[in-house]
Amino acid sequence: MSEMENLDKALRKMGDLAQAVAERELPKILDRANKGIVQAAAKLGCPVREAGGGGELRNSIKTSIEQRGSKAVATTYTSKRYATYVEFGTGPVGQKNHDGVSPEFVPSYSQHGWGIPADEVDEADAERYGWSKRTYGDKDYYMTSGQPAHPFMYPALKNNETKVTERVKAGMCREIRKVIKK
């Protein structure tokens, strides 16, 4: 066997080794990078009510990892229904103020203000948001034209793509070196 054939054989084995390590270790490495970088950035960027706010939305930000054949898919998410309203804003105010929102997503905003039953809103919140109170029939409502966007999920990923890639690459190299040293 020639030196070139030996080199080709060795390179094929290295490729097979790298593939095996990737299939076994990539999900764990990607999951750690996702939690350490993207989830952390989303939590840091998530708005929290100052006084008395429990950080319910921030605490709901989770991650998951899914193996799809030889690929691993990491997801950062929240199951809070109102998260989209925070991320993209609402109403005419949100449409005018949505810097930082994904350019690939075009929300449809209500073009009219609306009333929120006063008995469903904390009075201090209504005051903080500058909502006026109106009475219709025998019921009080706080009137709003929406809220500006406060993106926290999209920027957490978009602003950290390079960091995640570098961390995954470093982790994979570390795992391959471990196997080679054995």
Protein backbone atom coordinates (compact mmCIF):
# COMPACT_ATOMS: atom_id res chain seq x y z
CA MET A 1 0.00 0.00 0.00
CA SER A 2 1.40 3.43 -0.94
CA GLU A 3 1.83 6.33 1.46
CA MET A 4 -1.00 8.14 -0.34
CA GLU A 5 -3.36 5.20 0.16
CA ASN A 6 -2.38 5.05 3.85
CA LEU A 7 -3.06 8.77 4.19
CA ASP A 8 -6.45 8.41 2.48
CA LYS A 9 -7.34 5.52 4.77
CA ALA A 10 -6.27 7.47 7.87
CA LEU A 11 -8.28 10.52 6.78
CA ARG A 12 -11.38 8.37 6.21
CA LYS A 13 -10.99 6.91 9.70
CA MET A 14 -10.60 10.41 11.16
CA GLY A 15 -13.77 11.46 9.34
CA ASP A 16 -15.63 8.44 10.69
CA LEU A 17 -14.33 9.20 14.18
CA ALA A 18 -15.40 12.84 13.96
CA GLN A 19 -18.86 11.78 12.75
CA ALA A 20 -19.27 9.29 15.61
CA VAL A 21 -18.18 11.86 18.19
CA ALA A 22 -20.47 14.47 16.65
CA GLU A 23 -23.51 12.20 16.78
CA ARG A 24 -22.84 11.30 20.41
CA GLU A 25 -21.55 14.61 21.83
CA LEU A 26 -23.04 17.38 19.66
CA PRO A 27 -26.46 17.43 21.38
CA LYS A 28 -24.84 17.84 24.82
CA ILE A 29 -22.41 20.51 23.61
CA LEU A 30 -25.11 22.43 21.73
CA ASP A 31 -27.47 22.22 24.71
CA ARG A 32 -24.81 23.70 27.03
CA ALA A 33 -24.06 26.50 24.54
CA ASN A 34 -27.76 27.25 24.11
CA LYS A 35 -28.36 27.42 27.86
CA GLY A 36 -25.18 29.32 28.64
CA ILE A 37 -25.45 31.89 25.89
CA VAL A 38 -28.89 32.18 24.24
CA GLN A 39 -31.11 31.40 27.23
CA ALA A 40 -28.96 33.58 29.49
CA ALA A 41 -29.16 36.49 27.02
CA ALA A 42 -32.93 36.08 26.61
CA LYS A 43 -33.41 36.15 30.38
CA LEU A 44 -31.13 39.16 30.71
CA GLY A 45 -32.99 41.03 27.95
CA CYS A 46 -36.48 40.09 29.12
CA PRO A 47 -38.28 43.07 30.63
CA VAL A 48 -39.39 42.65 34.23
CA ARG A 49 -41.72 44.92 36.12
CA GLU A 50 -39.65 46.92 38.61
CA ALA A 51 -41.64 46.99 41.83
CA GLY A 52 -43.42 43.82 42.80
CA GLY A 53 -42.66 42.06 39.51
CA GLY A 54 -41.91 38.41 40.02
CA GLY A 55 -40.17 37.92 36.69
CA GLU A 56 -42.78 35.39 35.56
CA LEU A 57 -41.91 35.78 31.86
CA ARG A 58 -38.16 35.75 32.50
CA ASN A 59 -38.43 32.62 34.64
CA SER A 60 -40.47 30.87 31.93
CA ILE A 61 -37.64 30.96 29.37
CA LYS A 62 -36.52 27.37 28.82
CA THR A 63 -34.40 25.36 26.40
CA SER A 64 -34.71 22.02 24.69
CA ILE A 65 -32.50 19.88 22.47
CA GLU A 66 -33.73 17.49 19.83
CA GLN A 67 -31.72 14.95 17.86
CA ARG A 68 -32.85 14.72 14.22
CA GLY A 69 -30.77 12.04 12.59
CA SER A 70 -27.20 13.31 12.57
CA LYS A 71 -28.35 16.86 13.41
CA ALA A 72 -29.09 18.43 16.75
CA VAL A 73 -31.59 21.29 17.06
CA ALA A 74 -31.49 23.57 20.10
CA THR A 75 -34.52 25.70 20.98
CA THR A 76 -34.98 28.53 23.44
CA TYR A 77 -38.64 29.24 24.16
CA THR A 78 -41.31 30.42 26.55
CA SER A 79 -44.81 29.03 26.86
CA LYS A 80 -46.26 32.28 28.18
CA ARG A 81 -49.01 33.36 25.79
CA TYR A 82 -48.26 37.05 26.29
CA ALA A 83 -44.57 36.70 25.36
CA THR A 84 -45.32 37.53 21.71
CA TYR A 85 -46.99 40.78 22.77
CA VAL A 86 -43.86 41.74 24.69
CA GLU A 87 -41.49 40.67 21.89
CA PHE A 88 -43.36 42.35 19.01
CA GLY A 89 -45.41 45.07 20.73
CA THR A 90 -49.11 45.68 20.22
CA GLY A 91 -51.40 48.10 18.44
CA PRO A 92 -50.38 51.33 16.74
CA VAL A 93 -47.73 51.93 19.41
CA GLY A 94 -46.08 48.56 18.70
CA GLN A 95 -46.17 49.13 14.96
CA LYS A 96 -44.33 52.45 15.36
CA ASN A 97 -41.84 51.07 17.91
CA HIS A 98 -40.55 47.65 16.96
CA ASP A 99 -36.78 48.04 16.58
CA GLY A 100 -34.90 44.82 17.21
CA VAL A 101 -37.72 42.53 16.05
CA SER A 102 -36.81 39.81 13.56
CA PRO A 103 -36.92 41.21 10.02
CA GLU A 104 -38.21 37.82 8.86
CA PHE A 105 -41.43 38.17 10.87
CA VAL A 106 -43.97 40.85 9.98
CA PRO A 107 -46.63 41.12 12.69
CA SER A 108 -50.10 42.39 11.94
CA TYR A 109 -51.00 45.15 14.40
CA SER A 110 -54.48 46.26 15.43
CA GLN A 111 -54.93 49.82 14.18
CA HIS A 112 -57.28 50.91 16.94
CA GLY A 113 -56.92 51.29 20.66
CA TRP A 114 -58.96 49.11 22.98
CA GLY A 115 -60.26 48.92 26.51
CA ILE A 116 -59.18 46.53 29.22
CA PRO A 117 -61.70 45.90 32.02
CA ALA A 118 -60.49 47.93 35.00
CA ASP A 119 -61.15 45.08 37.41
CA GLU A 120 -58.58 42.95 35.53
CA VAL A 121 -55.75 45.49 35.83
CA ASP A 122 -53.76 46.60 38.83
CA GLU A 123 -54.32 50.33 39.26
CA ALA A 124 -50.59 50.98 39.71
CA ASP A 125 -49.90 49.25 36.37
CA ALA A 126 -52.53 51.33 34.61
CA GLU A 127 -50.94 54.46 36.02
CA ARG A 128 -47.43 53.33 35.09
CA TYR A 129 -48.53 52.71 31.47
CA GLY A 130 -50.41 56.00 31.32
CA TRP A 131 -53.77 54.40 30.57
CA SER A 132 -56.83 56.57 30.96
CA LYS A 133 -59.98 55.22 32.60
CA ARG A 134 -63.33 55.42 30.85
CA THR A 135 -66.75 54.13 31.74
CA TYR A 136 -68.98 52.40 29.21
CA GLY A 137 -72.38 51.44 30.47
CA ASP A 138 -71.76 50.58 34.10
CA LYS A 139 -68.25 49.17 33.63
CA ASP A 140 -64.85 50.92 33.90
CA TYR A 141 -62.12 50.30 31.32
CA TYR A 142 -58.51 51.38 30.93
CA MET A 143 -57.85 52.55 27.40
CA THR A 144 -54.66 51.74 25.53
CA SER A 145 -53.22 52.07 22.04
CA GLY A 146 -50.78 49.25 22.65
CA GLN A 147 -47.21 48.94 23.79
CA PRO A 148 -43.85 49.19 22.06
CA ALA A 149 -41.94 46.03 21.24
CA HIS A 150 -39.42 44.80 23.80
CA PRO A 151 -37.58 42.11 21.83
CA PHE A 152 -35.65 39.70 24.02
CA MET A 153 -35.80 36.32 22.25
CA TYR A 154 -34.67 37.27 18.74
CA PRO A 155 -31.75 39.46 19.88
CA ALA A 156 -30.63 36.72 22.28
CA LEU A 157 -30.07 34.41 19.33
CA LYS A 158 -29.10 36.87 16.60
CA ASN A 159 -26.54 38.77 18.69
CA ASN A 160 -24.89 35.54 19.84
CA GLU A 161 -24.74 33.34 16.73
CA THR A 162 -20.96 33.65 16.50
CA LYS A 163 -20.46 32.89 20.21
CA VAL A 164 -22.64 29.78 20.01
CA THR A 165 -20.85 28.57 16.89
CA GLU A 166 -17.43 29.10 18.47
CA ARG A 167 -18.45 27.36 21.69
CA VAL A 168 -19.84 24.35 19.80
CA LYS A 169 -16.74 24.19 17.60
CA ALA A 170 -14.43 24.33 20.64
CA GLY A 171 -16.48 21.67 22.43
CA MET A 172 -16.38 19.33 19.44
CA CYS A 173 -12.62 19.78 19.04
CA ARG A 174 -12.16 19.03 22.74
CA GLU A 175 -14.23 15.84 22.46
CA ILE A 176 -12.40 14.66 19.34
CA ARG A 177 -9.03 15.27 21.03
CA LYS A 178 -10.17 13.16 23.99
CA VAL A 179 -10.97 10.23 21.70
CA ILE A 180 -7.72 10.58 19.75
CA LYS A 181 -5.64 10.53 22.98
CA LYS A 182 -7.17 7.22 24.06
